[in-house]
Amino acid sequence: MAAEGKALIMPVSAKRQGGAVLVSFSGVEGGLHTWSSSHALGVELCGATQETCRYAPATAAGDTVSIADDGKPATRVRYAWIDSPVVNLYDARSLPAPGFELPISQ
């Protein structure tokens, strides 16, 4: 699709806002949505080490995913960060969001 000049879904940034971490995406057509659940599967908040990573509830709206802040230290967010991920975050073209890891900015 990229070779044809069509935008692909790409994570752009993650930032804290209120009681959540917001992940913004580019290349989204028709808004992000989840299949078979009201929450995006495979979203994690992580601190400085691998042992601090934990799954977190996340909801999609427009070109943003909102991840509930659980009050524990988090410096990065990741999605589908395993060998065989089960994912359910797509746009209106049925294109899945790619796996990623992003630092969380304040």
PDB file of N, CA and C in Angstrom:
ATOM      1  N   MET A   1       0.817  -1.190   0.000  1.00  0.00           N
ATOM      2  CA  MET A   1       0.000   0.000   0.000  1.00  0.00           C
ATOM      3  C   MET A   1       0.863   1.257   0.000  1.00  0.00           C
ATOM      4  N   ALA A   2       1.945   1.243   0.767  1.00  0.00           N
ATOM      5  CA  ALA A   2       2.809   2.421   0.816  1.00  0.00           C
ATOM      6  C   ALA A   2       3.409   2.696  -0.558  1.00  0.00           C
ATOM      7  N   ALA A   3       3.753   1.645  -1.304  1.00  0.00           N
ATOM      8  CA  ALA A   3       4.311   1.821  -2.641  1.00  0.00           C
ATOM      9  C   ALA A   3       3.302   2.465  -3.588  1.00  0.00           C
ATOM     10  N   GLU A   4       2.032   2.289  -3.299  1.00  0.00           N
ATOM     11  CA  GLU A   4       0.968   2.895  -4.106  1.00  0.00           C
ATOM     12  C   GLU A   4       0.583   4.279  -3.593  1.00  0.00           C
ATOM     13  N   GLY A   5       1.293   4.774  -2.589  1.00  0.00           N
ATOM     14  CA  GLY A   5       1.004   6.097  -2.049  1.00  0.00           C
ATOM     15  C   GLY A   5      -0.161   6.135  -1.085  1.00  0.00           C
ATOM     16  N   LYS A   6      -0.589   4.976  -0.612  1.00  0.00           N
ATOM     17  CA  LYS A   6      -1.692   4.914   0.351  1.00  0.00           C
ATOM     18  C   LYS A   6      -1.119   4.913   1.770  1.00  0.00           C
ATOM     19  N   ALA A   7      -1.716   5.708   2.613  1.00  0.00           N
ATOM     20  CA  ALA A   7      -1.234   5.837   3.991  1.00  0.00           C
ATOM     21  C   ALA A   7      -1.480   4.564   4.785  1.00  0.00           C
ATOM     22  N   LEU A   8      -0.498   4.172   5.560  1.00  0.00           N
ATOM     23  CA  LEU A   8      -0.632   3.052   6.483  1.00  0.00           C
ATOM     24  C   LEU A   8      -0.813   3.605   7.888  1.00  0.00           C
ATOM     25  N   ILE A   9      -1.449   2.830   8.731  1.00  0.00           N
ATOM     26  CA  ILE A   9      -1.616   3.233  10.127  1.00  0.00           C
ATOM     27  C   ILE A   9      -0.254   3.184  10.806  1.00  0.00           C
ATOM     28  N   MET A  10       0.138   4.291  11.403  1.00  0.00           N
ATOM     29  CA  MET A  10       1.423   4.357  12.100  1.00  0.00           C
ATOM     30  C   MET A  10       1.261   5.108  13.421  1.00  0.00           C
ATOM     31  N   PRO A  11       1.799   4.561  14.511  1.00  0.00           N
ATOM     32  CA  PRO A  11       1.775   5.292  15.774  1.00  0.00           C
ATOM     33  C   PRO A  11       2.722   6.481  15.678  1.00  0.00           C
ATOM     34  N   VAL A  12       2.310   7.622  16.238  1.00  0.00           N
ATOM     35  CA  VAL A  12       3.099   8.842  16.140  1.00  0.00           C
ATOM     36  C   VAL A  12       3.672   9.258  17.486  1.00  0.00           C
ATOM     37  N   SER A  13       2.825   9.274  18.513  1.00  0.00           N
ATOM     38  CA  SER A  13       3.296   9.738  19.818  1.00  0.00           C
ATOM     39  C   SER A  13       2.425   9.183  20.927  1.00  0.00           C
ATOM     40  N   ALA A  14       2.995   9.203  22.138  1.00  0.00           N
ATOM     41  CA  ALA A  14       2.261   8.820  23.348  1.00  0.00           C
ATOM     42  C   ALA A  14       2.517   9.911  24.379  1.00  0.00           C
ATOM     43  N   LYS A  15       1.443  10.438  24.974  1.00  0.00           N
ATOM     44  CA  LYS A  15       1.606  11.495  25.976  1.00  0.00           C
ATOM     45  C   LYS A  15       0.567  11.341  27.074  1.00  0.00           C
ATOM     46  N   ARG A  16       0.925  11.814  28.247  1.00  0.00           N
ATOM     47  CA  ARG A  16       0.003  11.810  29.382  1.00  0.00           C
ATOM     48  C   ARG A  16      -0.964  12.978  29.233  1.00  0.00           C
ATOM     49  N   GLN A  17      -2.220  12.675  29.506  1.00  0.00           N
ATOM     50  CA  GLN A  17      -3.237  13.721  29.516  1.00  0.00           C
ATOM     51  C   GLN A  17      -4.304  13.322  30.515  1.00  0.00           C
ATOM     52  N   GLY A  18      -4.442  14.104  31.571  1.00  0.00           N
ATOM     53  CA  GLY A  18      -5.400  13.755  32.618  1.00  0.00           C
ATOM     54  C   GLY A  18      -5.015  12.429  33.238  1.00  0.00           C
ATOM     55  N   GLY A  19      -5.971  11.533  33.366  1.00  0.00           N
ATOM     56  CA  GLY A  19      -5.729  10.220  33.943  1.00  0.00           C
ATOM     57  C   GLY A  19      -5.493   9.141  32.914  1.00  0.00           C
ATOM     58  N   ALA A  20      -4.916   9.528  31.760  1.00  0.00           N
ATOM     59  CA  ALA A  20      -4.719   8.551  30.695  1.00  0.00           C
ATOM     60  C   ALA A  20      -3.427   8.825  29.938  1.00  0.00           C
ATOM     61  N   VAL A  21      -3.017   7.835  29.167  1.00  0.00           N
ATOM     62  CA  VAL A  21      -1.942   7.988  28.193  1.00  0.00           C
ATOM     63  C   VAL A  21      -2.613   7.919  26.826  1.00  0.00           C
ATOM     64  N   LEU A  22      -2.416   8.943  26.015  1.00  0.00           N
ATOM     65  CA  LEU A  22      -3.018   9.003  24.682  1.00  0.00           C
ATOM     66  C   LEU A  22      -1.982   8.687  23.630  1.00  0.00           C
ATOM     67  N   VAL A  23      -2.293   7.711  22.781  1.00  0.00           N
ATOM     68  CA  VAL A  23      -1.424   7.358  21.661  1.00  0.00           C
ATOM     69  C   VAL A  23      -2.093   7.869  20.391  1.00  0.00           C
ATOM     70  N   SER A  24      -1.375   8.716  19.655  1.00  0.00           N
ATOM     71  CA  SER A  24      -1.898   9.281  18.409  1.00  0.00           C
ATOM     72  C   SER A  24      -1.335   8.509  17.223  1.00  0.00           C
ATOM     73  N   PHE A  25      -2.159   8.366  16.193  1.00  0.00           N
ATOM     74  CA  PHE A  25      -1.782   7.635  14.992  1.00  0.00           C
ATOM     75  C   PHE A  25      -1.951   8.519  13.766  1.00  0.00           C
ATOM     76  N   SER A  26      -1.180   8.239  12.735  1.00  0.00           N
ATOM     77  CA  SER A  26      -1.371   8.855  11.429  1.00  0.00           C
ATOM     78  C   SER A  26      -1.825   7.762  10.464  1.00  0.00           C
ATOM     79  N   GLY A  27      -2.320   8.167   9.304  1.00  0.00           N
ATOM     80  CA  GLY A  27      -2.713   7.198   8.283  1.00  0.00           C
ATOM     81  C   GLY A  27      -3.999   6.452   8.562  1.00  0.00           C
ATOM     82  N   VAL A  28      -4.782   6.921   9.512  1.00  0.00           N
ATOM     83  CA  VAL A  28      -6.037   6.257   9.879  1.00  0.00           C
ATOM     84  C   VAL A  28      -7.150   6.759   8.962  1.00  0.00           C
ATOM     85  N   GLU A  29      -7.905   5.842   8.409  1.00  0.00           N
ATOM     86  CA  GLU A  29      -9.082   6.216   7.618  1.00  0.00           C
ATOM     87  C   GLU A  29     -10.333   5.717   8.323  1.00  0.00           C
ATOM     88  N   GLY A  30     -11.282   6.606   8.529  1.00  0.00           N
ATOM     89  CA  GLY A  30     -12.556   6.225   9.129  1.00  0.00           C
ATOM     90  C   GLY A  30     -12.506   5.960  10.619  1.00  0.00           C
ATOM     91  N   GLY A  31     -11.426   6.324  11.284  1.00  0.00           N
ATOM     92  CA  GLY A  31     -11.314   6.142  12.725  1.00  0.00           C
ATOM     93  C   GLY A  31     -10.875   4.742  13.125  1.00  0.00           C
ATOM     94  N   LEU A  32     -10.229   4.673  14.271  1.00  0.00           N
ATOM     95  CA  LEU A  32      -9.818   3.390  14.836  1.00  0.00           C
ATOM     96  C   LEU A  32     -10.990   2.755  15.561  1.00  0.00           C
ATOM     97  N   HIS A  33     -11.059   1.442  15.519  1.00  0.00           N
ATOM     98  CA  HIS A  33     -12.085   0.716  16.259  1.00  0.00           C
ATOM     99  C   HIS A  33     -11.543  -0.664  16.615  1.00  0.00           C
ATOM    100  N   THR A  34     -12.208  -1.306  17.549  1.00  0.00           N
ATOM    101  CA  THR A  34     -11.797  -2.644  17.973  1.00  0.00           C
ATOM    102  C   THR A  34     -12.822  -3.665  17.510  1.00  0.00           C
ATOM    103  N   TRP A  35     -12.335  -4.848  17.242  1.00  0.00           N
ATOM    104  CA  TRP A  35     -13.210  -5.956  16.862  1.00  0.00           C
ATOM    105  C   TRP A  35     -13.396  -6.866  18.072  1.00  0.00           C
ATOM    106  N   SER A  36     -14.609  -7.315  18.286  1.00  0.00           N
ATOM    107  CA  SER A  36     -14.955  -8.331  19.292  1.00  0.00           C
ATOM    108  C   SER A  36     -14.724  -7.913  20.738  1.00  0.00           C
ATOM    109  N   SER A  37     -14.513  -6.633  20.986  1.00  0.00           N
ATOM    110  CA  SER A  37     -14.330  -6.159  22.347  1.00  0.00           C
ATOM    111  C   SER A  37     -14.452  -4.637  22.353  1.00  0.00           C
ATOM    112  N   SER A  38     -14.788  -4.087  23.498  1.00  0.00           N
ATOM    113  CA  SER A  38     -14.830  -2.628  23.613  1.00  0.00           C
ATOM    114  C   SER A  38     -13.447  -2.058  23.899  1.00  0.00           C
ATOM    115  N   HIS A  39     -12.468  -2.916  24.195  1.00  0.00           N
ATOM    116  CA  HIS A  39     -11.104  -2.489  24.491  1.00  0.00           C
ATOM    117  C   HIS A  39     -10.124  -3.094  23.492  1.00  0.00           C
ATOM    118  N   ALA A  40      -9.049  -2.365  23.227  1.00  0.00           N
ATOM    119  CA  ALA A  40      -7.966  -2.879  22.392  1.00  0.00           C
ATOM    120  C   ALA A  40      -7.180  -3.911  23.192  1.00  0.00           C
ATOM    121  N   LEU A  41      -6.921  -5.055  22.595  1.00  0.00           N
ATOM    122  CA  LEU A  41      -6.146  -6.113  23.242  1.00  0.00           C
ATOM    123  C   LEU A  41      -4.661  -5.888  23.005  1.00  0.00           C
ATOM    124  N   GLY A  42      -3.823  -6.349  23.909  1.00  0.00           N
ATOM    125  CA  GLY A  42      -2.381  -6.318  23.711  1.00  0.00           C
ATOM    126  C   GLY A  42      -1.713  -4.982  23.971  1.00  0.00           C
ATOM    127  N   VAL A  43      -2.374  -4.080  24.699  1.00  0.00           N
ATOM    128  CA  VAL A  43      -1.791  -2.779  25.033  1.00  0.00           C
ATOM    129  C   VAL A  43      -1.147  -2.892  26.414  1.00  0.00           C
ATOM    130  N   GLU A  44       0.092  -2.416  26.511  1.00  0.00           N
ATOM    131  CA  GLU A  44       0.828  -2.491  27.773  1.00  0.00           C
ATOM    132  C   GLU A  44       1.419  -1.142  28.160  1.00  0.00           C
ATOM    133  N   LEU A  45       1.442  -0.876  29.442  1.00  0.00           N
ATOM    134  CA  LEU A  45       2.201   0.230  30.006  1.00  0.00           C
ATOM    135  C   LEU A  45       3.443  -0.379  30.633  1.00  0.00           C
ATOM    136  N   CYS A  46       4.598   0.277  30.464  1.00  0.00           N
ATOM    137  CA  CYS A  46       5.856  -0.266  30.969  1.00  0.00           C
ATOM    138  C   CYS A  46       6.662   0.811  31.676  1.00  0.00           C
ATOM    139  N   GLY A  47       7.372   0.389  32.706  1.00  0.00           N
ATOM    140  CA  GLY A  47       8.337   1.248  33.369  1.00  0.00           C
ATOM    141  C   GLY A  47       9.698   1.031  32.736  1.00  0.00           C
ATOM    142  N   ALA A  48      10.741   1.149  33.529  1.00  0.00           N
ATOM    143  CA  ALA A  48      12.105   1.071  33.015  1.00  0.00           C
ATOM    144  C   ALA A  48      12.544  -0.347  32.632  1.00  0.00           C
ATOM    145  N   THR A  49      11.956  -1.363  33.230  1.00  0.00           N
ATOM    146  CA  THR A  49      12.397  -2.736  32.969  1.00  0.00           C
ATOM    147  C   THR A  49      11.265  -3.582  32.395  1.00  0.00           C
ATOM    148  N   GLN A  50      11.621  -4.709  31.815  1.00  0.00           N
ATOM    149  CA  GLN A  50      10.653  -5.644  31.250  1.00  0.00           C
ATOM    150  C   GLN A  50       9.659  -6.124  32.307  1.00  0.00           C
ATOM    151  N   GLU A  51      10.125  -6.316  33.522  1.00  0.00           N
ATOM    152  CA  GLU A  51       9.280  -6.843  34.593  1.00  0.00           C
ATOM    153  C   GLU A  51       8.166  -5.879  34.998  1.00  0.00           C
ATOM    154  N   THR A  52       8.281  -4.624  34.639  1.00  0.00           N
ATOM    155  CA  THR A  52       7.268  -3.644  35.015  1.00  0.00           C
ATOM    156  C   THR A  52       6.126  -3.536  34.009  1.00  0.00           C
ATOM    157  N   CYS A  53       6.224  -4.221  32.875  1.00  0.00           N
ATOM    158  CA  CYS A  53       5.172  -4.146  31.850  1.00  0.00           C
ATOM    159  C   CYS A  53       3.918  -4.867  32.317  1.00  0.00           C
ATOM    160  N   ARG A  54       2.787  -4.248  32.058  1.00  0.00           N
ATOM    161  CA  ARG A  54       1.506  -4.854  32.429  1.00  0.00           C
ATOM    162  C   ARG A  54       0.457  -4.403  31.420  1.00  0.00           C
ATOM    163  N   TYR A  55      -0.494  -5.319  31.158  1.00  0.00           N
ATOM    164  CA  TYR A  55      -1.578  -4.995  30.233  1.00  0.00           C
ATOM    165  C   TYR A  55      -2.481  -3.947  30.854  1.00  0.00           C
ATOM    166  N   ALA A  56      -3.024  -3.083  30.003  1.00  0.00           N
ATOM    167  CA  ALA A  56      -3.862  -1.990  30.478  1.00  0.00           C
ATOM    168  C   ALA A  56      -5.060  -1.822  29.557  1.00  0.00           C
ATOM    169  N   PRO A  57      -6.221  -1.478  30.116  1.00  0.00           N
ATOM    170  CA  PRO A  57      -7.399  -1.256  29.271  1.00  0.00           C
ATOM    171  C   PRO A  57      -7.208  -0.025  28.387  1.00  0.00           C
ATOM    172  N   ALA A  58      -7.568  -0.166  27.121  1.00  0.00           N
ATOM    173  CA  ALA A  58      -7.401   0.922  26.158  1.00  0.00           C
ATOM    174  C   ALA A  58      -8.619   0.989  25.248  1.00  0.00           C
ATOM    175  N   THR A  59      -9.043   2.205  24.944  1.00  0.00           N
ATOM    176  CA  THR A  59     -10.183   2.399  24.051  1.00  0.00           C
ATOM    177  C   THR A  59      -9.766   3.252  22.862  1.00  0.00           C
ATOM    178  N   ALA A  60     -10.379   2.986  21.723  1.00  0.00           N
ATOM    179  CA  ALA A  60     -10.060   3.686  20.485  1.00  0.00           C
ATOM    180  C   ALA A  60     -11.150   4.689  20.147  1.00  0.00           C
ATOM    181  N   ALA A  61     -10.725   5.855  19.634  1.00  0.00           N
ATOM    182  CA  ALA A  61     -11.659   6.878  19.163  1.00  0.00           C
ATOM    183  C   ALA A  61     -10.929   7.754  18.157  1.00  0.00           C
ATOM    184  N   GLY A  62     -11.457   7.873  16.975  1.00  0.00           N
ATOM    185  CA  GLY A  62     -10.814   8.681  15.944  1.00  0.00           C
ATOM    186  C   GLY A  62      -9.447   8.133  15.606  1.00  0.00           C
ATOM    187  N   ASP A  63      -8.422   8.969  15.709  1.00  0.00           N
ATOM    188  CA  ASP A  63      -7.054   8.520  15.428  1.00  0.00           C
ATOM    189  C   ASP A  63      -6.230   8.400  16.707  1.00  0.00           C
ATOM    190  N   THR A  64      -6.921   8.129  17.833  1.00  0.00           N
ATOM    191  CA  THR A  64      -6.272   8.071  19.140  1.00  0.00           C
ATOM    192  C   THR A  64      -6.713   6.837  19.913  1.00  0.00           C
ATOM    193  N   VAL A  65      -5.789   6.293  20.696  1.00  0.00           N
ATOM    194  CA  VAL A  65      -6.097   5.237  21.654  1.00  0.00           C
ATOM    195  C   VAL A  65      -5.818   5.797  23.039  1.00  0.00           C
ATOM    196  N   SER A  66      -6.783   5.682  23.931  1.00  0.00           N
ATOM    197  CA  SER A  66      -6.656   6.164  25.301  1.00  0.00           C
ATOM    198  C   SER A  66      -6.438   4.968  26.225  1.00  0.00           C
ATOM    199  N   ILE A  67      -5.349   5.033  26.988  1.00  0.00           N
ATOM    200  CA  ILE A  67      -4.982   3.948  27.898  1.00  0.00           C
ATOM    201  C   ILE A  67      -5.154   4.455  29.325  1.00  0.00           C
ATOM    202  N   ALA A  68      -5.932   3.749  30.102  1.00  0.00           N
ATOM    203  CA  ALA A  68      -6.175   4.152  31.484  1.00  0.00           C
ATOM    204  C   ALA A  68      -4.874   4.110  32.279  1.00  0.00           C
ATOM    205  N   ASP A  69      -4.561   5.192  32.979  1.00  0.00           N
ATOM    206  CA  ASP A  69      -3.373   5.258  33.833  1.00  0.00           C
ATOM    207  C   ASP A  69      -3.686   4.502  35.119  1.00  0.00           C
ATOM    208  N   ASP A  70      -2.853   3.518  35.436  1.00  0.00           N
ATOM    209  CA  ASP A  70      -3.099   2.705  36.632  1.00  0.00           C
ATOM    210  C   ASP A  70      -2.375   3.217  37.870  1.00  0.00           C
ATOM    211  N   GLY A  71      -1.712   4.376  37.767  1.00  0.00           N
ATOM    212  CA  GLY A  71      -1.028   4.955  38.913  1.00  0.00           C
ATOM    213  C   GLY A  71       0.371   4.425  39.156  1.00  0.00           C
ATOM    214  N   LYS A  72       0.783   3.408  38.413  1.00  0.00           N
ATOM    215  CA  LYS A  72       2.132   2.868  38.544  1.00  0.00           C
ATOM    216  C   LYS A  72       3.048   3.594  37.562  1.00  0.00           C
ATOM    217  N   PRO A  73       4.357   3.616  37.842  1.00  0.00           N
ATOM    218  CA  PRO A  73       5.272   4.292  36.929  1.00  0.00           C
ATOM    219  C   PRO A  73       5.208   3.704  35.515  1.00  0.00           C
ATOM    220  N   ALA A  74       5.149   4.583  34.531  1.00  0.00           N
ATOM    221  CA  ALA A  74       5.147   4.162  33.131  1.00  0.00           C
ATOM    222  C   ALA A  74       5.941   5.168  32.310  1.00  0.00           C
ATOM    223  N   THR A  75       6.904   4.666  31.570  1.00  0.00           N
ATOM    224  CA  THR A  75       7.731   5.516  30.720  1.00  0.00           C
ATOM    225  C   THR A  75       7.546   5.203  29.246  1.00  0.00           C
ATOM    226  N   ARG A  76       6.847   4.104  28.958  1.00  0.00           N
ATOM    227  CA  ARG A  76       6.627   3.710  27.565  1.00  0.00           C
ATOM    228  C   ARG A  76       5.340   2.913  27.452  1.00  0.00           C
ATOM    229  N   VAL A  77       4.823   2.880  26.251  1.00  0.00           N
ATOM    230  CA  VAL A  77       3.627   2.104  25.952  1.00  0.00           C
ATOM    231  C   VAL A  77       3.952   1.217  24.754  1.00  0.00           C
ATOM    232  N   ARG A  78       3.385   0.034  24.756  1.00  0.00           N
ATOM    233  CA  ARG A  78       3.591  -0.845  23.610  1.00  0.00           C
ATOM    234  C   ARG A  78       2.313  -1.597  23.276  1.00  0.00           C
ATOM    235  N   TYR A  79       2.271  -2.069  22.044  1.00  0.00           N
ATOM    236  CA  TYR A  79       1.093  -2.762  21.527  1.00  0.00           C
ATOM    237  C   TYR A  79       1.566  -3.936  20.687  1.00  0.00           C
ATOM    238  N   ALA A  80       0.937  -5.099  20.886  1.00  0.00           N
ATOM    239  CA  ALA A  80       1.250  -6.306  20.111  1.00  0.00           C
ATOM    240  C   ALA A  80       2.738  -6.630  20.186  1.00  0.00           C
ATOM    241  N   TRP A  81       3.306  -6.562  21.360  1.00  0.00           N
ATOM    242  CA  TRP A  81       4.744  -6.693  21.555  1.00  0.00           C
ATOM    243  C   TRP A  81       5.123  -8.114  21.978  1.00  0.00           C
ATOM    244  N   ILE A  82       4.598  -9.110  21.276  1.00  0.00           N
ATOM    245  CA  ILE A  82       4.941 -10.507  21.536  1.00  0.00           C
ATOM    246  C   ILE A  82       5.113 -11.211  20.197  1.00  0.00           C
ATOM    247  N   ASP A  83       5.590 -12.443  20.223  1.00  0.00           N
ATOM    248  CA  ASP A  83       5.863 -13.166  18.984  1.00  0.00           C
ATOM    249  C   ASP A  83       4.622 -13.438  18.140  1.00  0.00           C
ATOM    250  N   SER A  84       3.534 -13.815  18.753  1.00  0.00           N
ATOM    251  CA  SER A  84       2.296 -14.122  18.024  1.00  0.00           C
ATOM    252  C   SER A  84       1.142 -13.360  18.675  1.00  0.00           C
ATOM    253  N   PRO A  85       1.046 -12.059  18.414  1.00  0.00           N
ATOM    254  CA  PRO A  85       0.050 -11.248  19.123  1.00  0.00           C
ATOM    255  C   PRO A  85      -1.381 -11.492  18.655  1.00  0.00           C
ATOM    256  N   VAL A  86      -2.299 -11.404  19.586  1.00  0.00           N
ATOM    257  CA  VAL A  86      -3.724 -11.380  19.281  1.00  0.00           C
ATOM    258  C   VAL A  86      -4.107  -9.904  19.309  1.00  0.00           C
ATOM    259  N   VAL A  87      -4.518  -9.372  18.175  1.00  0.00           N
ATOM    260  CA  VAL A  87      -4.813  -7.943  18.082  1.00  0.00           C
ATOM    261  C   VAL A  87      -6.232  -7.723  17.590  1.00  0.00           C
ATOM    262  N   ASN A  88      -6.768  -6.554  17.900  1.00  0.00           N
ATOM    263  CA  ASN A  88      -8.130  -6.249  17.455  1.00  0.00           C
ATOM    264  C   ASN A  88      -8.329  -4.764  17.171  1.00  0.00           C
ATOM    265  N   LEU A  89      -7.249  -4.035  16.888  1.00  0.00           N
ATOM    266  CA  LEU A  89      -7.315  -2.599  16.625  1.00  0.00           C
ATOM    267  C   LEU A  89      -7.142  -2.354  15.125  1.00  0.00           C
ATOM    268  N   TYR A  90      -8.185  -1.809  14.496  1.00  0.00           N
ATOM    269  CA  TYR A  90      -8.218  -1.635  13.040  1.00  0.00           C
ATOM    270  C   TYR A  90      -8.813  -0.280  12.687  1.00  0.00           C
ATOM    271  N   ASP A  91      -8.612   0.130  11.419  1.00  0.00           N
ATOM    272  CA  ASP A  91      -9.322   1.311  10.932  1.00  0.00           C
ATOM    273  C   ASP A  91     -10.462   0.855  10.023  1.00  0.00           C
ATOM    274  N   ALA A  92     -11.148   1.795   9.383  1.00  0.00           N
ATOM    275  CA  ALA A  92     -12.325   1.468   8.570  1.00  0.00           C
ATOM    276  C   ALA A  92     -11.984   0.627   7.340  1.00  0.00           C
ATOM    277  N   ARG A  93     -10.699   0.607   6.932  1.00  0.00           N
ATOM    278  CA  ARG A  93     -10.289  -0.225   5.792  1.00  0.00           C
ATOM    279  C   ARG A  93      -9.983  -1.649   6.221  1.00  0.00           C
ATOM    280  N   SER A  94     -10.182  -1.950   7.493  1.00  0.00           N
ATOM    281  CA  SER A  94      -9.836  -3.245   8.090  1.00  0.00           C
ATOM    282  C   SER A  94      -8.327  -3.481   8.106  1.00  0.00           C
ATOM    283  N   LEU A  95      -7.550  -2.398   8.139  1.00  0.00           N
ATOM    284  CA  LEU A  95      -6.101  -2.513   8.283  1.00  0.00           C
ATOM    285  C   LEU A  95      -5.761  -2.506   9.771  1.00  0.00           C
ATOM    286  N   PRO A  96      -4.940  -3.450  10.205  1.00  0.00           N
ATOM    287  CA  PRO A  96      -4.586  -3.484  11.626  1.00  0.00           C
ATOM    288  C   PRO A  96      -3.520  -2.452  11.968  1.00  0.00           C
ATOM    289  N   ALA A  97      -3.570  -1.970  13.194  1.00  0.00           N
ATOM    290  CA  ALA A  97      -2.487  -1.125  13.702  1.00  0.00           C
ATOM    291  C   ALA A  97      -1.273  -2.021  13.904  1.00  0.00           C
ATOM    292  N   PRO A  98      -0.074  -1.533  13.588  1.00  0.00           N
ATOM    293  CA  PRO A  98       1.130  -2.362  13.751  1.00  0.00           C
ATOM    294  C   PRO A  98       1.563  -2.434  15.203  1.00  0.00           C
ATOM    295  N   GLY A  99       2.343  -3.441  15.514  1.00  0.00           N
ATOM    296  CA  GLY A  99       2.958  -3.516  16.828  1.00  0.00           C
ATOM    297  C   GLY A  99       3.947  -2.370  16.978  1.00  0.00           C
ATOM    298  N   PHE A 100       4.074  -1.839  18.187  1.00  0.00           N
ATOM    299  CA  PHE A 100       4.974  -0.714  18.407  1.00  0.00           C
ATOM    300  C   PHE A 100       5.332  -0.580  19.879  1.00  0.00           C
ATOM    301  N   GLU A 101       6.382   0.200  20.122  1.00  0.00           N
ATOM    302  CA  GLU A 101       6.740   0.663  21.451  1.00  0.00           C
ATOM    303  C   GLU A 101       7.108   2.129  21.316  1.00  0.00           C
ATOM    304  N   LEU A 102       6.507   2.970  22.164  1.00  0.00           N
ATOM    305  CA  LEU A 102       6.749   4.416  22.134  1.00  0.00           C
ATOM    306  C   LEU A 102       7.058   4.927  23.533  1.00  0.00           C
ATOM    307  N   PRO A 103       7.960   5.905  23.649  1.00  0.00           N
ATOM    308  CA  PRO A 103       8.163   6.556  24.941  1.00  0.00           C
ATOM    309  C   PRO A 103       6.959   7.448  25.241  1.00  0.00           C
ATOM    310  N   ILE A 104       6.651   7.591  26.512  1.00  0.00           N
ATOM    311  CA  ILE A 104       5.554   8.460  26.936  1.00  0.00           C
ATOM    312  C   ILE A 104       6.132   9.822  27.282  1.00  0.00           C
ATOM    313  N   SER A 105       5.651  10.852  26.600  1.00  0.00           N
ATOM    314  CA  SER A 105       6.098  12.214  26.925  1.00  0.00           C
ATOM    315  C   SER A 105       5.143  12.812  27.942  1.00  0.00           C
ATOM    316  N   GLN A 106       5.625  13.758  28.664  1.00  0.00           N
ATOM    317  CA  GLN A 106       4.823  14.407  29.698  1.00  0.00           C
ATOM    318  C   GLN A 106       4.092  15.516  29.077  1.00  0.00           C
TER     319      GLN A 106
END
